[in-house]
PDB file of N, CA and C in Angstrom:
ATOM      1  N   MET A   1       0.687  -1.126  -0.032  1.00  0.00           N
ATOM      2  CA  MET A   1       0.019  -0.246  -0.288  1.00  0.00           C
ATOM      3  C   MET A   1       0.953   1.454   0.217  1.00  0.00           C
ATOM      4  N   ASP A   2       0.260   2.495  -0.785  1.00  0.00           N
ATOM      5  CA  ASP A   2       1.372   3.615  -1.038  1.00  0.00           C
ATOM      6  C   ASP A   2       1.436   4.516   0.260  1.00  0.00           C
ATOM      7  N   THR A   3       2.288   4.689   0.812  1.00  0.00           N
ATOM      8  CA  THR A   3       2.573   5.607   2.848  1.00  0.00           C
ATOM      9  C   THR A   3       1.993   6.651   2.486  1.00  0.00           C
ATOM     10  N   LYS A   4       2.592   7.092   1.068  1.00  0.00           N
ATOM     11  CA  LYS A   4       1.963   8.905   1.167  1.00  0.00           C
ATOM     12  C   LYS A   4       0.125   9.269   0.776  1.00  0.00           C
ATOM     13  N   LEU A   5      -0.434   7.914   0.550  1.00  0.00           N
ATOM     14  CA  LEU A   5      -1.926   7.622  -0.217  1.00  0.00           C
ATOM     15  C   LEU A   5      -2.326   7.543   1.237  1.00  0.00           C
ATOM     16  N   VAL A   6      -1.918   6.912   1.771  1.00  0.00           N
ATOM     17  CA  VAL A   6      -2.482   6.302   3.529  1.00  0.00           C
ATOM     18  C   VAL A   6      -2.379   7.789   4.045  1.00  0.00           C
ATOM     19  N   ASN A   7      -1.133   7.908   4.081  1.00  0.00           N
ATOM     20  CA  ASN A   7      -0.793   9.435   4.853  1.00  0.00           C
ATOM     21  C   ASN A   7      -1.785  10.134   4.788  1.00  0.00           C
ATOM     22  N   SER A   8      -1.822  10.926   3.600  1.00  0.00           N
ATOM     23  CA  SER A   8      -2.697  11.463   2.990  1.00  0.00           C
ATOM     24  C   SER A   8      -4.170  11.553   2.903  1.00  0.00           C
ATOM     25  N   LEU A   9      -4.648  10.787   2.605  1.00  0.00           N
ATOM     26  CA  LEU A   9      -6.202  10.178   3.312  1.00  0.00           C
ATOM     27  C   LEU A   9      -6.365  10.109   5.094  1.00  0.00           C
ATOM     28  N   TYR A  10      -5.496  10.200   5.242  1.00  0.00           N
ATOM     29  CA  TYR A  10      -5.005  10.426   7.008  1.00  0.00           C
ATOM     30  C   TYR A  10      -5.489  11.354   7.687  1.00  0.00           C
ATOM     31  N   LYS A  11      -4.707  12.273   6.838  1.00  0.00           N
ATOM     32  CA  LYS A  11      -4.400  13.926   7.008  1.00  0.00           C
ATOM     33  C   LYS A  11      -5.830  14.387   6.665  1.00  0.00           C
ATOM     34  N   LYS A  12      -6.525  14.291   5.205  1.00  0.00           N
ATOM     35  CA  LYS A  12      -7.900  14.724   5.130  1.00  0.00           C
ATOM     36  C   LYS A  12      -8.849  14.443   6.259  1.00  0.00           C
ATOM     37  N   ALA A  13      -8.959  13.053   6.830  1.00  0.00           N
ATOM     38  CA  ALA A  13      -9.922  12.508   7.410  1.00  0.00           C
ATOM     39  C   ALA A  13      -9.681  13.430   8.829  1.00  0.00           C
ATOM     40  N   VAL A  14      -8.979  13.524   9.426  1.00  0.00           N
ATOM     41  CA  VAL A  14      -8.635  13.676  10.584  1.00  0.00           C
ATOM     42  C   VAL A  14      -8.552  15.803  10.811  1.00  0.00           C
ATOM     43  N   GLY A  15      -7.893  16.373   9.329  1.00  0.00           N
ATOM     44  CA  GLY A  15      -8.625  17.543   9.840  1.00  0.00           C
ATOM     45  C   GLY A  15      -6.697  18.063   9.717  1.00  0.00           C
ATOM     46  N   TYR A  16      -6.796  19.380   8.834  1.00  0.00           N
ATOM     47  CA  TYR A  16      -5.049  19.562   9.130  1.00  0.00           C
ATOM     48  C   TYR A  16      -5.166  21.592   8.351  1.00  0.00           C
ATOM     49  N   THR A  17      -4.033  21.891   8.786  1.00  0.00           N
ATOM     50  CA  THR A  17      -3.514  23.218   9.269  1.00  0.00           C
ATOM     51  C   THR A  17      -2.221  23.730   8.413  1.00  0.00           C
ATOM     52  N   VAL A  18      -2.993  24.249   7.459  1.00  0.00           N
ATOM     53  CA  VAL A  18      -1.838  24.453   6.482  1.00  0.00           C
ATOM     54  C   VAL A  18      -1.198  26.065   6.431  1.00  0.00           C
ATOM     55  N   THR A  19      -0.014  26.778   6.776  1.00  0.00           N
ATOM     56  CA  THR A  19       0.341  27.923   6.343  1.00  0.00           C
ATOM     57  C   THR A  19       0.681  28.842   5.102  1.00  0.00           C
ATOM     58  N   GLU A  20       0.314  29.751   4.805  1.00  0.00           N
ATOM     59  CA  GLU A  20       0.770  30.077   3.094  1.00  0.00           C
ATOM     60  C   GLU A  20       1.130  31.397   3.692  1.00  0.00           C
ATOM     61  N   LYS A  21       2.359  31.332   2.696  1.00  0.00           N
ATOM     62  CA  LYS A  21       2.964  32.915   2.504  1.00  0.00           C
ATOM     63  C   LYS A  21       2.923  33.222   0.915  1.00  0.00           C
ATOM     64  N   THR A  22       2.592  34.922   1.645  1.00  0.00           N
ATOM     65  CA  THR A  22       2.089  35.855  -0.015  1.00  0.00           C
ATOM     66  C   THR A  22       3.462  36.898   0.282  1.00  0.00           C
ATOM     67  N   THR A  23       3.999  37.124  -1.292  1.00  0.00           N
ATOM     68  CA  THR A  23       4.629  38.439  -0.621  1.00  0.00           C
ATOM     69  C   THR A  23       4.395  39.506  -2.257  1.00  0.00           C
ATOM     70  N   GLU A  24       3.650  40.750  -1.963  1.00  0.00           N
ATOM     71  CA  GLU A  24       3.715  41.311  -3.071  1.00  0.00           C
ATOM     72  C   GLU A  24       4.943  42.411  -3.156  1.00  0.00           C
ATOM     73  N   TYR A  25       4.769  42.329  -4.307  1.00  0.00           N
ATOM     74  CA  TYR A  25       6.846  43.101  -4.857  1.00  0.00           C
ATOM     75  C   TYR A  25       5.916  44.419  -5.882  1.00  0.00           C
ATOM     76  N   SER A  26       6.871  45.352  -5.789  1.00  0.00           N
ATOM     77  CA  SER A  26       6.274  46.537  -6.105  1.00  0.00           C
ATOM     78  C   SER A  26       6.946  45.965  -8.090  1.00  0.00           C
ATOM     79  N   PRO A  27       6.584  47.469  -9.460  1.00  0.00           N
ATOM     80  CA  PRO A  27       7.200  46.995 -10.309  1.00  0.00           C
ATOM     81  C   PRO A  27       8.603  47.390 -10.015  1.00  0.00           C
ATOM     82  N   GLU A  28       9.723  47.781  -8.892  1.00  0.00           N
ATOM     83  CA  GLU A  28      11.391  48.125  -9.357  1.00  0.00           C
ATOM     84  C   GLU A  28      11.410  46.621  -8.977  1.00  0.00           C
ATOM     85  N   GLY A  29       9.876  45.789  -8.007  1.00  0.00           N
ATOM     86  CA  GLY A  29      11.024  44.280  -7.314  1.00  0.00           C
ATOM     87  C   GLY A  29      11.081  44.451  -5.613  1.00  0.00           C
ATOM     88  N   GLU A  30      10.971  45.744  -5.139  1.00  0.00           N
ATOM     89  CA  GLU A  30      11.159  45.587  -3.853  1.00  0.00           C
ATOM     90  C   GLU A  30       9.552  44.863  -3.250  1.00  0.00           C
ATOM     91  N   VAL A  31       9.924  44.326  -2.077  1.00  0.00           N
ATOM     92  CA  VAL A  31       8.896  43.893  -1.228  1.00  0.00           C
ATOM     93  C   VAL A  31       8.026  45.200  -0.129  1.00  0.00           C
ATOM     94  N   ILE A  32       6.588  45.286  -1.025  1.00  0.00           N
ATOM     95  CA  ILE A  32       5.559  45.376  -0.413  1.00  0.00           C
ATOM     96  C   ILE A  32       5.198  45.591   0.684  1.00  0.00           C
ATOM     97  N   LYS A  33       4.732  43.888   1.008  1.00  0.00           N
ATOM     98  CA  LYS A  33       4.226  43.412   1.601  1.00  0.00           C
ATOM     99  C   LYS A  33       4.192  41.952   1.962  1.00  0.00           C
ATOM    100  N   ARG A  34       4.362  41.497   2.836  1.00  0.00           N
ATOM    101  CA  ARG A  34       4.647  40.231   3.298  1.00  0.00           C
ATOM    102  C   ARG A  34       3.611  39.248   4.189  1.00  0.00           C
ATOM    103  N   LYS A  35       2.807  38.573   3.999  1.00  0.00           N
ATOM    104  CA  LYS A  35       1.216  37.967   4.384  1.00  0.00           C
ATOM    105  C   LYS A  35       1.636  36.358   4.671  1.00  0.00           C
ATOM    106  N   VAL A  36       1.683  36.329   5.945  1.00  0.00           N
ATOM    107  CA  VAL A  36       1.431  34.597   6.374  1.00  0.00           C
ATOM    108  C   VAL A  36      -0.016  34.808   7.127  1.00  0.00           C
ATOM    109  N   THR A  37      -0.844  33.343   6.406  1.00  0.00           N
ATOM    110  CA  THR A  37      -1.588  33.367   7.442  1.00  0.00           C
ATOM    111  C   THR A  37      -1.917  31.251   7.110  1.00  0.00           C
ATOM    112  N   SER A  38      -2.875  31.053   8.168  1.00  0.00           N
ATOM    113  CA  SER A  38      -3.245  29.528   8.451  1.00  0.00           C
ATOM    114  C   SER A  38      -4.401  29.538   7.707  1.00  0.00           C
ATOM    115  N   LYS A  39      -4.329  28.411   7.307  1.00  0.00           N
ATOM    116  CA  LYS A  39      -5.688  28.085   6.801  1.00  0.00           C
ATOM    117  C   LYS A  39      -5.814  26.093   6.900  1.00  0.00           C
ATOM    118  N   HIS A  40      -7.575  26.775   7.959  1.00  0.00           N
ATOM    119  CA  HIS A  40      -7.626  25.020   8.124  1.00  0.00           C
ATOM    120  C   HIS A  40      -8.652  24.399   7.100  1.00  0.00           C
ATOM    121  N   TYR A  41      -8.726  23.085   7.311  1.00  0.00           N
ATOM    122  CA  TYR A  41      -8.958  22.168   6.690  1.00  0.00           C
ATOM    123  C   TYR A  41      -9.638  21.234   7.676  1.00  0.00           C
ATOM    124  N   PRO A  42     -10.825  21.405   8.440  1.00  0.00           N
ATOM    125  CA  PRO A  42     -11.795  21.249   8.826  1.00  0.00           C
ATOM    126  C   PRO A  42     -11.762  19.087   8.236  1.00  0.00           C
ATOM    127  N   PRO A  43     -12.345  18.211   9.551  1.00  0.00           N
ATOM    128  CA  PRO A  43     -12.147  16.563   8.901  1.00  0.00           C
ATOM    129  C   PRO A  43     -13.094  16.259   8.025  1.00  0.00           C
ATOM    130  N   ASP A  44     -12.677  15.273   7.256  1.00  0.00           N
ATOM    131  CA  ASP A  44     -13.913  14.990   6.320  1.00  0.00           C
ATOM    132  C   ASP A  44     -14.519  13.853   6.131  1.00  0.00           C
ATOM    133  N   ILE A  45     -15.220  13.367   6.619  1.00  0.00           N
ATOM    134  CA  ILE A  45     -15.379  12.212   7.103  1.00  0.00           C
ATOM    135  C   ILE A  45     -15.988  11.426   5.682  1.00  0.00           C
ATOM    136  N   GLU A  46     -16.459  11.552   4.267  1.00  0.00           N
ATOM    137  CA  GLU A  46     -16.212  10.367   3.724  1.00  0.00           C
ATOM    138  C   GLU A  46     -14.777   9.467   3.296  1.00  0.00           C
ATOM    139  N   ALA A  47     -13.556  11.035   3.895  1.00  0.00           N
ATOM    140  CA  ALA A  47     -12.009  10.247   4.321  1.00  0.00           C
ATOM    141  C   ALA A  47     -11.649   9.850   5.204  1.00  0.00           C
ATOM    142  N   LEU A  48     -12.234   9.914   6.398  1.00  0.00           N
ATOM    143  CA  LEU A  48     -12.373   8.953   6.869  1.00  0.00           C
ATOM    144  C   LEU A  48     -12.881   7.837   6.942  1.00  0.00           C
ATOM    145  N   LYS A  49     -14.447   7.449   6.422  1.00  0.00           N
ATOM    146  CA  LYS A  49     -14.976   6.324   5.854  1.00  0.00           C
ATOM    147  C   LYS A  49     -14.135   5.096   4.976  1.00  0.00           C
ATOM    148  N   ALA A  50     -13.018   5.892   4.242  1.00  0.00           N
ATOM    149  CA  ALA A  50     -12.319   5.290   3.071  1.00  0.00           C
ATOM    150  C   ALA A  50     -11.107   5.197   3.723  1.00  0.00           C
ATOM    151  N   TYR A  51     -10.682   6.005   4.530  1.00  0.00           N
ATOM    152  CA  TYR A  51      -9.466   5.223   5.370  1.00  0.00           C
ATOM    153  C   TYR A  51      -9.654   4.150   6.067  1.00  0.00           C
ATOM    154  N   LEU A  52     -10.424   4.195   6.620  1.00  0.00           N
ATOM    155  CA  LEU A  52     -11.152   2.822   8.032  1.00  0.00           C
ATOM    156  C   LEU A  52     -11.079   2.165   7.067  1.00  0.00           C
ATOM    157  N   GLU A  53     -12.147   2.028   5.540  1.00  0.00           N
ATOM    158  CA  GLU A  53     -12.294   0.807   4.170  1.00  0.00           C
ATOM    159  C   GLU A  53     -11.258   0.146   3.944  1.00  0.00           C
ATOM    160  N   LEU A  54     -10.406   1.338   3.981  1.00  0.00           N
ATOM    161  CA  LEU A  54      -8.174   0.956   3.489  1.00  0.00           C
ATOM    162  C   LEU A  54      -7.665   0.061   4.482  1.00  0.00           C
ATOM    163  N   ILE A  55      -7.225   0.148   5.693  1.00  0.00           N
ATOM    164  CA  ILE A  55      -6.844   0.138   6.889  1.00  0.00           C
ATOM    165  C   ILE A  55      -7.699  -1.001   7.534  1.00  0.00           C
ATOM    166  N   SER A  56      -8.038  -1.466   7.267  1.00  0.00           N
ATOM    167  CA  SER A  56      -9.744  -2.899   7.792  1.00  0.00           C
ATOM    168  C   SER A  56      -9.250  -3.982   7.320  1.00  0.00           C
ATOM    169  N   SER A  57      -9.183  -4.588   8.324  1.00  0.00           N
ATOM    170  CA  SER A  57      -8.949  -6.010   7.709  1.00  0.00           C
ATOM    171  C   SER A  57     -10.286  -6.328   6.824  1.00  0.00           C
ATOM    172  N   GLY A  58     -10.705  -6.214   6.842  1.00  0.00           N
ATOM    173  CA  GLY A  58     -11.988  -6.758   6.462  1.00  0.00           C
ATOM    174  C   GLY A  58     -12.676  -7.283   7.480  1.00  0.00           C
ATOM    175  N   GLU A  59     -12.784  -6.829   8.360  1.00  0.00           N
ATOM    176  CA  GLU A  59     -13.853  -7.767   9.332  1.00  0.00           C
ATOM    177  C   GLU A  59     -14.905  -7.138   9.446  1.00  0.00           C
ATOM    178  N   ASP A  60     -15.864  -7.722   9.763  1.00  0.00           N
ATOM    179  CA  ASP A  60     -17.276  -7.402  10.230  1.00  0.00           C
ATOM    180  C   ASP A  60     -17.546  -6.860  11.678  1.00  0.00           C
ATOM    181  N   TYR A  61     -17.905  -5.379  11.771  1.00  0.00           N
ATOM    182  CA  TYR A  61     -17.640  -5.085  13.443  1.00  0.00           C
ATOM    183  C   TYR A  61     -18.719  -4.871  13.923  1.00  0.00           C
ATOM    184  N   GLU A  62     -19.967  -5.218  13.470  1.00  0.00           N
ATOM    185  CA  GLU A  62     -21.023  -5.004  13.552  1.00  0.00           C
ATOM    186  C   GLU A  62     -20.799  -6.967  14.735  1.00  0.00           C
ATOM    187  N   LYS A  63     -20.675  -7.924  14.532  1.00  0.00           N
ATOM    188  CA  LYS A  63     -20.419  -8.603  14.914  1.00  0.00           C
ATOM    189  C   LYS A  63     -19.643  -8.960  16.149  1.00  0.00           C
ATOM    190  N   LEU A  64     -19.036  -7.842  16.414  1.00  0.00           N
ATOM    191  CA  LEU A  64     -17.521  -8.213  17.429  1.00  0.00           C
ATOM    192  C   LEU A  64     -18.203  -7.638  18.901  1.00  0.00           C
ATOM    193  N   SER A  65     -17.829  -8.763  19.342  1.00  0.00           N
ATOM    194  CA  SER A  65     -18.073  -7.556  21.258  1.00  0.00           C
ATOM    195  C   SER A  65     -17.648  -6.247  21.378  1.00  0.00           C
ATOM    196  N   ASP A  66     -18.206  -5.948  22.611  1.00  0.00           N
ATOM    197  CA  ASP A  66     -17.527  -4.431  22.828  1.00  0.00           C
ATOM    198  C   ASP A  66     -16.027  -4.402  23.467  1.00  0.00           C
ATOM    199  N   GLU A  67     -15.292  -5.814  23.755  1.00  0.00           N
ATOM    200  CA  GLU A  67     -14.471  -6.062  24.534  1.00  0.00           C
ATOM    201  C   GLU A  67     -13.523  -5.911  22.900  1.00  0.00           C
ATOM    202  N   GLU A  68     -14.029  -6.230  21.573  1.00  0.00           N
ATOM    203  CA  GLU A  68     -12.792  -6.794  20.660  1.00  0.00           C
ATOM    204  C   GLU A  68     -13.222  -5.072  20.413  1.00  0.00           C
ATOM    205  N   LEU A  69     -14.188  -4.779  19.823  1.00  0.00           N
ATOM    206  CA  LEU A  69     -14.612  -3.340  19.539  1.00  0.00           C
ATOM    207  C   LEU A  69     -13.359  -2.067  20.349  1.00  0.00           C
ATOM    208  N   GLU A  70     -13.005  -2.148  21.626  1.00  0.00           N
ATOM    209  CA  GLU A  70     -12.617  -1.429  22.035  1.00  0.00           C
ATOM    210  C   GLU A  70     -10.661  -1.925  21.906  1.00  0.00           C
ATOM    211  N   SER A  71     -10.310  -3.459  21.890  1.00  0.00           N
ATOM    212  CA  SER A  71      -9.112  -3.805  21.395  1.00  0.00           C
ATOM    213  C   SER A  71      -8.991  -3.087  19.964  1.00  0.00           C
ATOM    214  N   GLU A  72     -10.253  -3.655  18.944  1.00  0.00           N
ATOM    215  CA  GLU A  72      -9.872  -3.369  17.414  1.00  0.00           C
ATOM    216  C   GLU A  72      -9.504  -1.615  17.803  1.00  0.00           C
ATOM    217  N   LYS A  73     -10.216  -0.890  18.701  1.00  0.00           N
ATOM    218  CA  LYS A  73      -9.638   0.477  18.376  1.00  0.00           C
ATOM    219  C   LYS A  73      -8.729   0.945  18.642  1.00  0.00           C
ATOM    220  N   GLU A  74      -7.934   1.087  19.927  1.00  0.00           N
ATOM    221  CA  GLU A  74      -6.654   0.731  20.755  1.00  0.00           C
ATOM    222  C   GLU A  74      -5.420   0.028  18.957  1.00  0.00           C
ATOM    223  N   ARG A  75      -5.304  -0.717  18.746  1.00  0.00           N
ATOM    224  CA  ARG A  75      -5.043  -0.910  17.517  1.00  0.00           C
ATOM    225  C   ARG A  75      -4.709  -0.230  16.743  1.00  0.00           C
ATOM    226  N   LEU A  76      -6.143   0.369  15.853  1.00  0.00           N
ATOM    227  CA  LEU A  76      -6.138   0.925  14.796  1.00  0.00           C
ATOM    228  C   LEU A  76      -5.416   2.757  15.083  1.00  0.00           C
ATOM    229  N   LEU A  77      -5.383   2.512  16.136  1.00  0.00           N
ATOM    230  CA  LEU A  77      -5.065   4.306  17.368  1.00  0.00           C
ATOM    231  C   LEU A  77      -3.652   4.072  17.056  1.00  0.00           C
ATOM    232  N   LYS A  78      -3.342   3.608  17.709  1.00  0.00           N
ATOM    233  CA  LYS A  78      -1.379   3.138  17.519  1.00  0.00           C
ATOM    234  C   LYS A  78      -0.893   3.147  15.818  1.00  0.00           C
ATOM    235  N   GLU A  79      -1.988   2.461  15.338  1.00  0.00           N
ATOM    236  CA  GLU A  79      -1.690   2.629  14.400  1.00  0.00           C
ATOM    237  C   GLU A  79      -1.299   4.346  13.269  1.00  0.00           C
ATOM    238  N   LEU A  80      -2.623   4.657  13.725  1.00  0.00           N
ATOM    239  CA  LEU A  80      -3.157   5.853  13.096  1.00  0.00           C
ATOM    240  C   LEU A  80      -1.409   6.626  13.811  1.00  0.00           C
ATOM    241  N   GLU A  81      -1.335   6.787  15.113  1.00  0.00           N
ATOM    242  CA  GLU A  81       0.203   7.493  15.730  1.00  0.00           C
ATOM    243  C   GLU A  81       1.000   7.276  15.329  1.00  0.00           C
ATOM    244  N   GLY A  82       1.115   5.855  15.056  1.00  0.00           N
ATOM    245  CA  GLY A  82       2.604   5.721  13.547  1.00  0.00           C
ATOM    246  C   GLY A  82       2.582   6.182  12.772  1.00  0.00           C
ATOM    247  N   MET A  83       1.581   6.356  12.159  1.00  0.00           N
ATOM    248  CA  MET A  83       1.877   7.161  10.308  1.00  0.00           C
ATOM    249  C   MET A  83       2.299   8.153  10.700  1.00  0.00           C
ATOM    250  N   LYS A  84       1.241   8.642  11.489  1.00  0.00           N
ATOM    251  CA  LYS A  84       1.436  10.021  11.661  1.00  0.00           C
ATOM    252  C   LYS A  84       2.854  10.565  12.146  1.00  0.00           C
ATOM    253  N   SER A  85       2.949   9.838  13.086  1.00  0.00           N
ATOM    254  CA  SER A  85       4.246  10.267  13.333  1.00  0.00           C
ATOM    255  C   SER A  85       5.430   9.993  12.198  1.00  0.00           C
ATOM    256  N   GLY A  86       5.529   9.002  11.197  1.00  0.00           N
ATOM    257  CA  GLY A  86       6.010   8.825   9.903  1.00  0.00           C
ATOM    258  C   GLY A  86       6.179   9.989   9.215  1.00  0.00           C
ATOM    259  N   SER A  87       4.529  10.650   9.201  1.00  0.00           N
ATOM    260  CA  SER A  87       4.685  11.775   8.176  1.00  0.00           C
ATOM    261  C   SER A  87       5.144  12.984   8.793  1.00  0.00           C
ATOM    262  N   ASP A  88       5.327  13.297   9.878  1.00  0.00           N
ATOM    263  CA  ASP A  88       6.189  14.302  10.457  1.00  0.00           C
ATOM    264  C   ASP A  88       7.274  14.147  10.412  1.00  0.00           C
ATOM    265  N   GLN A  89       8.010  13.225  10.324  1.00  0.00           N
ATOM    266  CA  GLN A  89       9.270  12.852   9.702  1.00  0.00           C
ATOM    267  C   GLN A  89       9.808  13.111   8.266  1.00  0.00           C
ATOM    268  N   THR A  90       8.556  12.708   7.871  1.00  0.00           N
ATOM    269  CA  THR A  90       8.691  12.762   6.562  1.00  0.00           C
ATOM    270  C   THR A  90       8.607  13.822   5.659  1.00  0.00           C
ATOM    271  N   GLU A  91       7.777  14.915   5.967  1.00  0.00           N
ATOM    272  CA  GLU A  91       7.691  16.125   6.158  1.00  0.00           C
ATOM    273  C   GLU A  91       8.645  16.921   6.759  1.00  0.00           C
ATOM    274  N   ARG A  92       9.748  17.298   8.031  1.00  0.00           N
ATOM    275  CA  ARG A  92      10.727  17.586   8.262  1.00  0.00           C
ATOM    276  C   ARG A  92      12.033  16.985   7.714  1.00  0.00           C
ATOM    277  N   GLU A  93      11.800  15.827   7.023  1.00  0.00           N
ATOM    278  CA  GLU A  93      12.990  15.942   6.588  1.00  0.00           C
ATOM    279  C   GLU A  93      12.648  16.443   4.815  1.00  0.00           C
ATOM    280  N   SER A  94      11.707  16.609   4.209  1.00  0.00           N
ATOM    281  CA  SER A  94      11.530  17.449   3.173  1.00  0.00           C
ATOM    282  C   SER A  94      12.065  18.964   3.643  1.00  0.00           C
ATOM    283  N   GLU A  95      11.514  19.554   4.541  1.00  0.00           N
ATOM    284  CA  GLU A  95      11.934  20.991   4.853  1.00  0.00           C
ATOM    285  C   GLU A  95      13.465  21.439   4.669  1.00  0.00           C
ATOM    286  N   VAL A  96      14.539  20.270   5.078  1.00  0.00           N
ATOM    287  CA  VAL A  96      15.930  20.460   5.289  1.00  0.00           C
ATOM    288  C   VAL A  96      16.879  20.529   3.407  1.00  0.00           C
TER     289      VAL A  96
END
C-alpha cells in the first residue's frame, strides 16, 4: 500500500492546518507586503470512511463484542499514531 496515499487520506480524514505565505512586490522588485496566513481544513467524514475501509482487515465490526471493538480501536489508534509520526518525520526531512 502506498504510504503517501494513506498518510494523505489520514490527514484529510482528521483535518489539518496549512500556512500560506504571500509576498507582494512593487514594479521595481521591492517587497511591498508579506502576509502569512493559516488555513484550516476541517475533518472530512468521507475521507475517514475511505481511510477506515482501506486499513481495515475486512472484519465485520457489527459482529464484534464491546471488548473486541475496544481492542480494535486501540490497535487502530496506535497504527494511526505510527503513521502520523512517520508523516511528521517525512515532512521535517523534506523541509531540510
